[in-house]
Protein backbone atom coordinates (compact mmCIF):
# COMPACT_ATOMS: atom_id res chain seq x y z
CA MET A 1 302.22 133.60 29.39
CA LYS A 2 301.71 132.50 32.93
CA ARG A 3 302.35 128.78 33.50
CA ASN A 4 300.15 126.50 35.52
CA PRO A 5 302.44 125.62 38.46
CA LEU A 6 300.81 122.19 38.68
CA ALA A 7 301.96 121.45 35.15
CA ALA A 8 305.51 122.64 35.72
CA ARG A 9 308.48 120.41 36.21
CA PRO A 10 306.90 117.12 35.11
CA ALA A 11 310.04 115.20 36.09
CA ALA A 12 309.93 116.69 39.58
CA ASN A 13 306.25 115.82 39.86
CA ARG A 14 306.93 112.23 38.85
CA LEU A 15 309.70 112.04 41.43
CA ALA A 16 307.44 113.46 44.13
CA LYS A 17 304.69 110.99 43.25
CA LEU A 18 307.17 108.12 43.17
CA THR A 19 308.56 109.17 46.56
CA ALA A 20 305.05 109.42 48.03
CA THR A 21 304.14 106.02 46.61
CA PHE A 22 307.20 104.35 48.08
CA ALA A 23 306.59 106.15 51.39
CA PHE A 24 303.02 104.83 51.45
CA ILE A 25 304.14 101.30 50.60
CA GLY A 26 306.78 101.58 53.32
CA LEU A 27 304.16 102.73 55.81
CA VAL A 28 301.92 99.80 54.89
CA LEU A 29 304.83 97.37 55.26
CA ILE A 30 305.73 98.88 58.64
CA LEU A 31 302.07 98.63 59.68
CA PHE A 32 301.85 94.98 58.69
CA ALA A 33 305.19 94.27 60.32
CA THR A 34 304.16 95.77 63.66
CA VAL A 35 300.43 94.99 63.85
CA ARG A 36 298.98 91.55 64.51
CA PHE A 37 295.55 91.21 62.89
CA ASP A 38 293.13 89.05 64.90
CA ILE A 39 289.95 89.17 62.81
CA LYS A 40 287.64 86.34 63.84
CA GLY A 41 284.68 87.39 61.71
CA HIS A 42 282.62 88.48 64.73
CA PHE A 43 282.61 92.14 63.57
CA ASP A 44 281.55 93.49 66.96
CA GLY A 45 283.76 96.50 66.32
CA LEU A 46 287.34 97.51 65.59
CA PHE A 47 289.75 97.56 68.52
CA LEU A 48 293.40 98.62 68.53
CA LEU A 49 295.37 97.10 71.41
CA GLN A 50 298.93 97.19 72.62
CA GLY A 51 300.67 94.14 71.22
CA THR A 52 302.09 91.08 72.91
CA ASN A 53 304.69 88.46 72.03
CA GLY A 54 306.82 90.84 69.99
CA TRP A 55 304.02 92.70 68.21
CA HIS A 56 303.73 96.45 68.75
CA TYR A 57 299.97 96.52 68.17
CA GLU A 58 297.03 94.20 67.71
CA LEU A 59 293.88 94.92 65.69
CA LYS A 60 290.80 92.89 66.65
CA ASP A 61 287.12 92.75 65.72
CA ASP A 62 286.10 91.55 69.20
CA LEU A 63 287.21 91.91 72.81
CA TYR A 64 287.51 89.30 75.54
CA VAL A 65 287.85 89.79 79.29
CA GLY A 66 291.56 90.27 79.89
CA ASP A 67 292.00 92.57 76.87
CA GLY A 68 290.79 95.71 78.63
CA ASP A 69 294.09 97.00 79.97
CA ARG A 70 295.69 96.86 76.48
CA ILE A 71 293.08 98.95 74.61
CA ILE A 72 294.43 102.01 72.78
CA ALA A 73 291.36 102.89 70.69
CA SER A 74 288.00 101.23 70.10
CA LEU A 75 285.00 101.41 67.79
CA ASP A 76 282.25 99.34 69.39
CA PHE A 77 279.41 98.55 66.96
CA ASP A 78 277.04 98.05 69.91
CA ASP A 79 277.39 101.75 70.72
CA PRO A 80 274.13 103.64 70.01
CA ARG A 81 276.07 105.95 67.69
CA TYR A 82 276.54 103.04 65.28
CA ARG A 83 272.98 101.78 65.10
CA PHE A 84 273.53 100.54 61.57
CA PHE A 85 275.75 97.78 62.95
CA ARG A 86 273.73 96.92 66.05
CA LYS A 87 271.99 93.62 66.63
CA VAL A 88 268.45 94.71 67.46
CA HIS A 89 266.02 92.68 69.57
CA PRO A 90 262.38 93.53 70.26
CA LYS A 91 262.14 95.17 73.68
CA ARG A 92 259.02 93.24 74.66
CA PRO A 93 258.69 90.04 72.63
CA SER A 94 255.45 88.09 72.91
CA SER A 95 257.23 84.99 74.21
CA PRO A 96 260.75 84.13 75.45
CA TYR A 97 263.32 83.37 72.82
CA LEU A 98 267.03 82.68 72.53
CA TYR A 99 269.45 84.78 70.55
CA TYR A 100 273.01 83.51 70.35
CA GLU A 101 276.29 83.86 68.52
CA TRP A 102 278.72 80.95 68.57
CA ASP A 103 282.13 80.72 66.91
CA ALA A 104 282.70 76.98 66.48
CA THR A 105 286.30 77.46 65.35
CA ASP A 106 287.26 79.60 68.31
CA GLY A 107 284.96 77.89 70.83
CA SER A 108 283.45 81.11 72.13
CA GLY A 109 280.16 82.94 72.13
CA PHE A 110 277.20 84.23 74.09
CA PHE A 111 273.53 83.44 74.62
CA ARG A 112 270.78 85.96 75.35
CA ASN A 113 267.59 84.61 76.90
CA ILE A 114 265.14 87.38 75.96
CA LEU A 115 262.04 87.57 78.17
CA PRO A 116 258.66 89.20 77.39
CA ASN A 117 258.84 91.66 80.31
CA GLY A 118 261.96 93.43 79.07
CA MET A 119 264.25 91.30 81.22
CA GLN A 120 266.99 89.00 79.95
CA MET A 121 269.68 86.55 80.97
CA LEU A 122 273.10 86.76 79.32
CA THR A 123 275.55 83.86 79.48
CA CYS A 124 279.02 84.05 77.92
CA PHE A 125 281.28 81.08 77.26
CA GLY A 126 284.99 81.12 76.44
CA ARG A 127 285.27 84.90 76.15
CA TYR A 128 288.07 85.49 78.63
CA MET A 129 291.72 84.93 79.52
CA ASP A 130 292.59 82.49 82.27
CA ASP A 131 294.82 83.50 85.19
CA ASP A 132 297.84 82.51 83.09
CA LYS A 133 296.91 85.18 80.50
CA ARG A 134 295.98 82.58 77.89
CA TYR A 135 292.62 82.60 76.12
CA VAL A 136 290.08 79.93 77.01
CA HIS A 137 288.29 78.03 74.22
CA GLY A 138 285.11 76.06 74.75
CA LEU A 139 282.05 75.85 76.97
CA PHE A 140 283.48 77.49 80.07
CA VAL A 141 281.39 80.23 81.65
CA GLY A 142 283.20 83.55 81.53
CA GLY A 143 283.93 86.74 79.70
CA GLY A 144 281.80 89.51 78.32
CA LEU A 145 280.97 91.56 75.26
CA PRO A 146 283.06 94.50 74.02
CA SER A 147 280.73 97.09 75.56
CA SER A 148 281.62 95.72 79.01
CA ILE A 149 285.34 95.53 78.40
CA ALA A 150 286.23 98.63 76.37
CA GLY A 151 285.90 100.93 79.38
CA GLY A 152 288.42 98.92 81.41
CA ASP A 153 288.12 95.46 82.88
CA ASN A 154 286.52 96.60 86.16
CA THR A 155 284.25 99.39 84.98
CA PHE A 156 281.13 97.91 83.37
CA MET A 157 281.44 94.26 84.26
CA ASP A 158 278.12 93.39 85.92
CA ASN A 159 276.94 91.94 82.60
CA THR A 160 279.77 89.40 82.23
CA GLY A 161 279.90 85.65 82.83
CA MET A 162 276.24 85.00 83.60
CA ALA A 163 274.17 88.10 84.31
CA PHE A 164 270.55 89.18 84.72
CA TYR A 165 268.94 92.39 83.46
CA ASP A 166 265.76 93.43 85.26
CA GLY A 167 264.86 96.24 82.85
CA THR A 168 266.85 98.79 84.81
CA ARG A 169 270.31 97.40 85.53
CA TRP A 170 272.48 94.29 85.26
CA TYR A 171 273.14 91.97 88.20
CA HIS A 172 276.16 89.69 88.25
CA VAL A 173 275.24 86.01 88.78
CA TRP A 174 278.33 83.91 87.88
CA CYS A 175 281.88 84.97 87.04
CA ASN A 176 284.69 83.27 85.09
CA VAL A 177 284.48 79.66 86.23
CA ASN A 178 287.23 78.29 88.48
CA GLU A 179 287.17 74.87 86.88
CA ALA A 180 290.09 72.46 86.77
CA ILE A 181 291.13 68.86 86.51
CA VAL A 182 293.98 67.69 88.74
CA ALA A 183 296.33 64.95 87.54
CA LEU A 184 297.05 62.37 90.23
CA PRO A 185 299.37 61.44 91.82
CA SER A 186 301.40 64.52 90.74
CA ASN A 187 298.67 66.98 91.88
CA ARG A 188 299.26 69.04 88.74
CA ILE A 189 296.34 71.44 88.29
CA ILE A 190 295.18 71.88 84.68
CA SER A 191 292.92 74.88 84.20
CA PRO A 192 290.76 75.37 81.05
CA SER A 193 293.40 77.36 79.13
CA GLY A 194 295.66 74.30 79.39
CA TRP A 195 293.12 71.94 77.83
CA LYS A 196 293.83 71.16 74.18
CA PHE A 197 290.83 72.45 72.22
CA LEU A 198 289.62 69.90 69.68
CA GLY A 199 286.63 71.81 68.31
CA SER A 200 283.01 72.71 68.97
CA LYS A 201 279.68 72.77 67.19
CA VAL A 202 276.02 73.65 67.51
CA ILE A 203 274.25 70.28 67.68
CA ASP A 204 270.66 71.49 67.66
CA GLU A 205 269.02 74.90 67.56
CA SER A 206 265.70 76.71 67.39
CA SER A 207 264.33 79.99 68.70
CA SER A 208 263.45 78.18 71.95
CA SER A 209 266.41 75.84 72.57
CA VAL A 210 270.08 75.40 71.73
CA VAL A 211 272.50 72.52 72.28
CA VAL A 212 276.23 73.19 71.87
CA SER A 213 279.27 70.98 72.39
CA SER A 214 283.00 71.50 72.80
CA SER A 215 285.71 68.85 72.95
CA HIS A 216 289.08 68.88 74.66
CA GLN A 217 292.02 66.70 75.65
CA VAL A 218 294.34 66.81 78.65
CA ASP A 219 297.35 64.79 79.71
CA LEU A 220 297.01 63.23 83.18
CA ASP A 221 300.56 62.26 84.04
CA GLY A 222 300.99 60.50 80.70
CA VAL A 223 297.39 59.28 80.34
CA PRO A 224 295.38 61.06 77.62
CA LEU A 225 291.89 62.05 78.74
CA ARG A 226 289.22 63.31 76.35
CA ILE A 227 286.62 65.72 77.71
CA ASP A 228 283.37 66.37 75.84
CA ARG A 229 281.12 69.14 77.13
CA TYR A 230 277.46 69.64 76.22
CA VAL A 231 275.47 72.74 77.16
CA TYR A 232 271.67 72.85 76.90
CA LEU A 233 269.65 76.08 77.03
CA ASN A 234 265.90 76.67 76.85
CA ALA A 235 264.13 79.97 76.24
CA GLY A 236 262.64 81.38 79.42
CA ASP A 237 264.91 79.44 81.80
CA SER A 238 267.20 81.18 84.27
CA TYR A 239 269.76 78.39 84.01
CA PHE A 240 271.57 76.06 81.65
CA VAL A 241 272.46 72.37 81.99
CA ILE A 242 275.98 71.12 81.30
CA THR A 243 277.13 67.52 80.93
CA ILE A 244 280.87 66.91 81.20
CA LYS A 245 281.92 63.54 79.79
CA LEU A 246 285.40 62.19 80.59
CA THR A 247 286.89 59.33 78.56
CA ASP A 248 290.21 57.58 79.22
CA ILE A 249 291.63 57.18 75.71
CA GLY A 250 294.91 55.76 77.01
CA THR A 251 296.03 52.24 77.88
CA VAL A 252 296.30 52.60 81.68
CA PRO A 253 293.86 53.93 84.31
CA ALA A 254 293.49 57.68 84.70
CA ARG A 255 293.48 59.16 88.23
CA TYR A 256 292.17 62.66 88.75
CA THR A 257 290.28 65.16 90.90
CA TYR A 258 287.70 67.32 89.16
CA ILE A 259 286.37 70.64 90.47
CA TYR A 260 283.74 73.08 89.24
CA GLY A 261 283.65 76.26 91.31
CA ASP A 262 283.52 80.02 91.39
CA GLU A 263 283.91 83.10 93.57
CA PRO A 264 280.97 84.56 91.67
CA TRP A 265 280.70 88.10 93.10
CA VAL A 266 276.92 87.76 93.13
CA GLY A 267 275.04 91.04 92.73
CA ASN A 268 277.90 93.38 91.86
CA TYR A 269 280.98 92.43 89.88
CA GLY A 270 284.22 92.75 91.81
CA SER A 271 282.76 92.45 95.29
CA SER A 272 281.90 89.52 97.55
CA ALA A 273 280.42 91.88 100.16
CA GLY A 274 277.05 90.51 101.26
CA ASN A 275 277.62 87.09 99.71
CA VAL A 276 276.64 84.12 101.87
CA GLY A 277 276.03 80.48 101.06
CA TRP A 278 272.58 78.93 100.93
CA VAL A 279 271.02 75.49 100.64
CA GLN A 280 267.40 74.35 100.67
CA ASP A 281 266.66 75.04 104.32
CA ARG A 282 269.28 77.49 105.63
CA MET A 283 271.89 80.12 104.95
CA ILE A 284 275.59 79.41 105.39
CA ASN A 285 277.62 82.20 106.98
CA TYR A 286 280.80 80.25 107.70
CA GLU A 287 283.24 78.10 105.77
CA GLU A 288 281.62 74.68 105.56
CA VAL A 289 281.51 71.35 103.78
CA ILE A 290 277.88 70.40 103.14
CA ASP A 291 276.34 66.95 102.86
CA SER A 292 275.76 66.42 99.13
CA THR A 293 273.64 63.33 99.84
CA LYS A 294 271.24 65.39 101.96
CA TYR A 295 271.28 68.38 99.60
CA SER A 296 271.21 68.33 95.81
CA TYR A 297 271.94 72.02 95.22
CA ALA A 298 273.62 75.02 96.80
CA GLY A 299 274.42 78.60 95.88
CA ILE A 300 275.59 82.07 96.80
CA TYR A 301 273.09 84.71 97.99
CA ASP A 302 273.77 88.46 98.05
CA TYR A 303 272.00 88.99 101.35
CA GLY A 304 274.56 90.02 103.99
CA ASN A 305 276.50 87.91 106.46
CA ASP A 306 275.19 88.23 110.03
CA ALA A 307 278.39 86.61 111.30
CA ILE A 308 280.32 89.76 110.36
CA HIS A 309 277.42 92.25 110.84
CA GLU A 310 277.13 93.23 107.17
CA GLY A 311 273.48 94.19 107.41
CA HIS A 312 270.91 93.40 104.72
CA THR A 313 271.06 96.22 102.22
CA PHE A 314 272.37 94.08 99.35
CA THR A 315 270.80 93.24 95.98
CA GLY A 316 269.10 89.96 96.91
CA THR A 317 270.52 88.28 93.79
CA ALA A 318 271.23 84.56 94.18
CA ASN A 319 272.72 81.82 92.08
CA PHE A 320 272.65 78.04 92.35
CA ILE A 321 274.39 74.91 91.17
CA GLN A 322 272.67 71.52 91.22
CA TRP A 323 274.32 68.12 90.83
CA PHE A 324 272.79 64.92 89.50
CA GLY A 325 273.62 61.22 89.50
CA SER A 326 274.82 58.69 92.05
CA ASP A 327 278.46 59.83 92.11
CA ARG A 328 278.01 62.67 94.59
CA PRO A 329 280.65 65.42 94.80
CA THR A 330 282.03 67.13 97.88
CA VAL A 331 280.43 70.60 98.05
CA PHE A 332 281.94 73.39 100.09
CA PHE A 333 281.97 77.10 100.84
CA SER A 334 285.26 78.86 101.57
CA ASN A 335 287.06 82.19 101.57
CA SER A 336 289.40 81.36 98.70
CA ALA A 337 289.12 80.07 95.16
CA SER A 338 290.95 76.78 95.54
CA LEU A 339 290.60 73.03 95.87
CA LEU A 340 289.01 71.66 99.03
CA SER A 341 291.38 71.92 101.99
CA PRO A 342 291.34 69.01 104.49
CA SER A 343 291.11 71.57 107.31
CA LEU A 344 288.07 73.39 105.89
CA GLY A 345 285.20 73.53 108.36
CA LYS A 346 287.32 72.41 111.32
CA ARG A 347 287.24 75.96 112.68
CA LYS A 348 284.37 78.44 112.66
CA VAL A 349 285.59 80.92 110.03
CA PRO A 350 283.06 83.47 108.70
CA LEU A 351 282.69 83.97 104.95
CA ALA A 352 284.29 87.39 104.90
CA SER A 353 286.85 87.62 102.08
CA ASN A 354 286.43 89.18 98.65
CA ALA A 355 286.64 85.69 97.13
CA ARG A 356 283.76 83.89 98.85
CA PHE A 357 283.75 80.63 96.96
CA ILE A 358 281.49 77.68 96.20
CA GLY A 359 283.15 74.46 95.02
CA VAL A 360 281.78 71.17 93.71
CA GLN A 361 284.58 68.60 93.74
CA TRP A 362 284.94 64.93 92.77
CA THR A 363 288.07 63.89 94.64
CA ASP A 364 290.50 61.13 93.60
CA ARG A 365 288.49 59.31 90.95
CA THR A 366 289.87 56.53 88.71
CA LEU A 367 288.78 55.81 85.16
CA ALA A 368 289.71 52.56 83.41
CA PRO A 369 291.13 52.58 79.85
CA GLY A 370 288.39 53.00 77.25
CA LYS A 371 285.77 53.85 79.89
CA SER A 372 283.77 57.06 80.31
CA THR A 373 282.02 58.85 83.13
CA SER A 374 279.79 61.94 83.08
CA TYR A 375 278.95 64.75 85.48
CA THR A 376 275.75 66.74 84.93
CA LEU A 377 275.14 70.14 86.54
CA ALA A 378 272.43 72.79 86.33
CA ILE A 379 273.86 76.27 86.77
CA GLY A 380 271.96 79.51 86.91
CA MET A 381 270.12 82.19 88.84
CA ALA A 382 267.76 81.38 91.72
CA LEU A 383 264.37 83.04 91.92
CA HIS A 384 262.90 85.34 94.57
CA ASP A 385 259.81 84.57 96.66
CA PRO A 386 258.71 87.49 98.89
CA ALA A 387 257.20 84.98 101.33
CA ARG A 388 260.53 83.23 101.87
CA LEU A 389 263.78 84.42 103.36
CA LEU A 390 265.75 82.00 101.20
CA PRO A 391 265.95 82.07 97.40
CA VAL A 392 264.01 79.52 95.35
CA LYS A 393 265.75 77.20 92.91
CA PRO A 394 263.82 76.85 89.64
CA ALA A 395 262.57 73.38 88.71
CA ILE A 396 265.11 71.77 86.38
CA LYS A 397 263.58 70.16 83.31
CA LEU A 398 266.23 67.52 82.56
CA ASP A 399 263.82 65.57 80.36
CA ALA A 400 263.67 68.55 78.01
CA PHE A 401 267.35 67.97 77.19
CA ARG A 402 267.19 64.25 76.43
């Protein structure tokens, strides 16, 4: 009688199964020993990256700007092929509304301002690595969604930071913020990745408005300083308002310089070509320090710099930053992303680099123990008026955020 070969040699079969089982367990152990799992609960996809800090690989469910050059394989749930996972919004809603996702534990997220005409504003916070290759946590403009990053960090990046979609394409408005606090007298620059993250939360929310906070602490030459940030967004607005509250929680005065700035690459990510400065009544083609008592806002305009004969074939996108309160900052335009140089504006230097920069700086301030001070800014996209050469700053509804 012919034997069933699958039934033969039961001892050999058991040994083979046992060997396969141990091999599988070994593979799992090797996998867990070489792969760092970074699952935040965002579930925007599954992304396998080259590892860092001793890990061979890293498996993530989200991507931040700075991850792009480490990607080995990706499954992005925003891809049309995976419609089951996609977050769907009506293409033409009857009225503006806000859609957002915020991870309070990580201090990161994004906000979509969906407009009735098929347009939208996207603003990302805390979704990027700083220049020191450390992740930023909290309400700092920057980063993008996996669909922008998975193709490589410079490929599909117009819709990162703050960006505008006109129904056809994305236009870059603001990039990763160049924000820092400088400890005095040591002049030690502390960028956002060096701020101790204390937590964040959504304070108030509806389909038409959101208020979010994040809290941080820095050491200013031995003096602990607490920083509480509050961001306010309204449906239909092309901007957000941020209040930055500093509190000296030490026993001696805190001395510091504070700067909020950006080389925003307005219009097209990765390029400052065409970017000039603008204020209420004129364009700024050269490095300059402007009078922040005469002007209350300034911005970058993708128009073309006549001082270097760039022409005027650019996108026409413009951003703005507005400052409030009696403690006026120093506001300047320069060719490099840095603190204000004492020599800036002494010579007539055209804005011509690929890092054309706008900076808003409070220089050498002192805060007494137990005291607080606040800086409030409106940051966003300026509007276009065909009858005007200059962009138009939207009216800021501060009362709506009280």
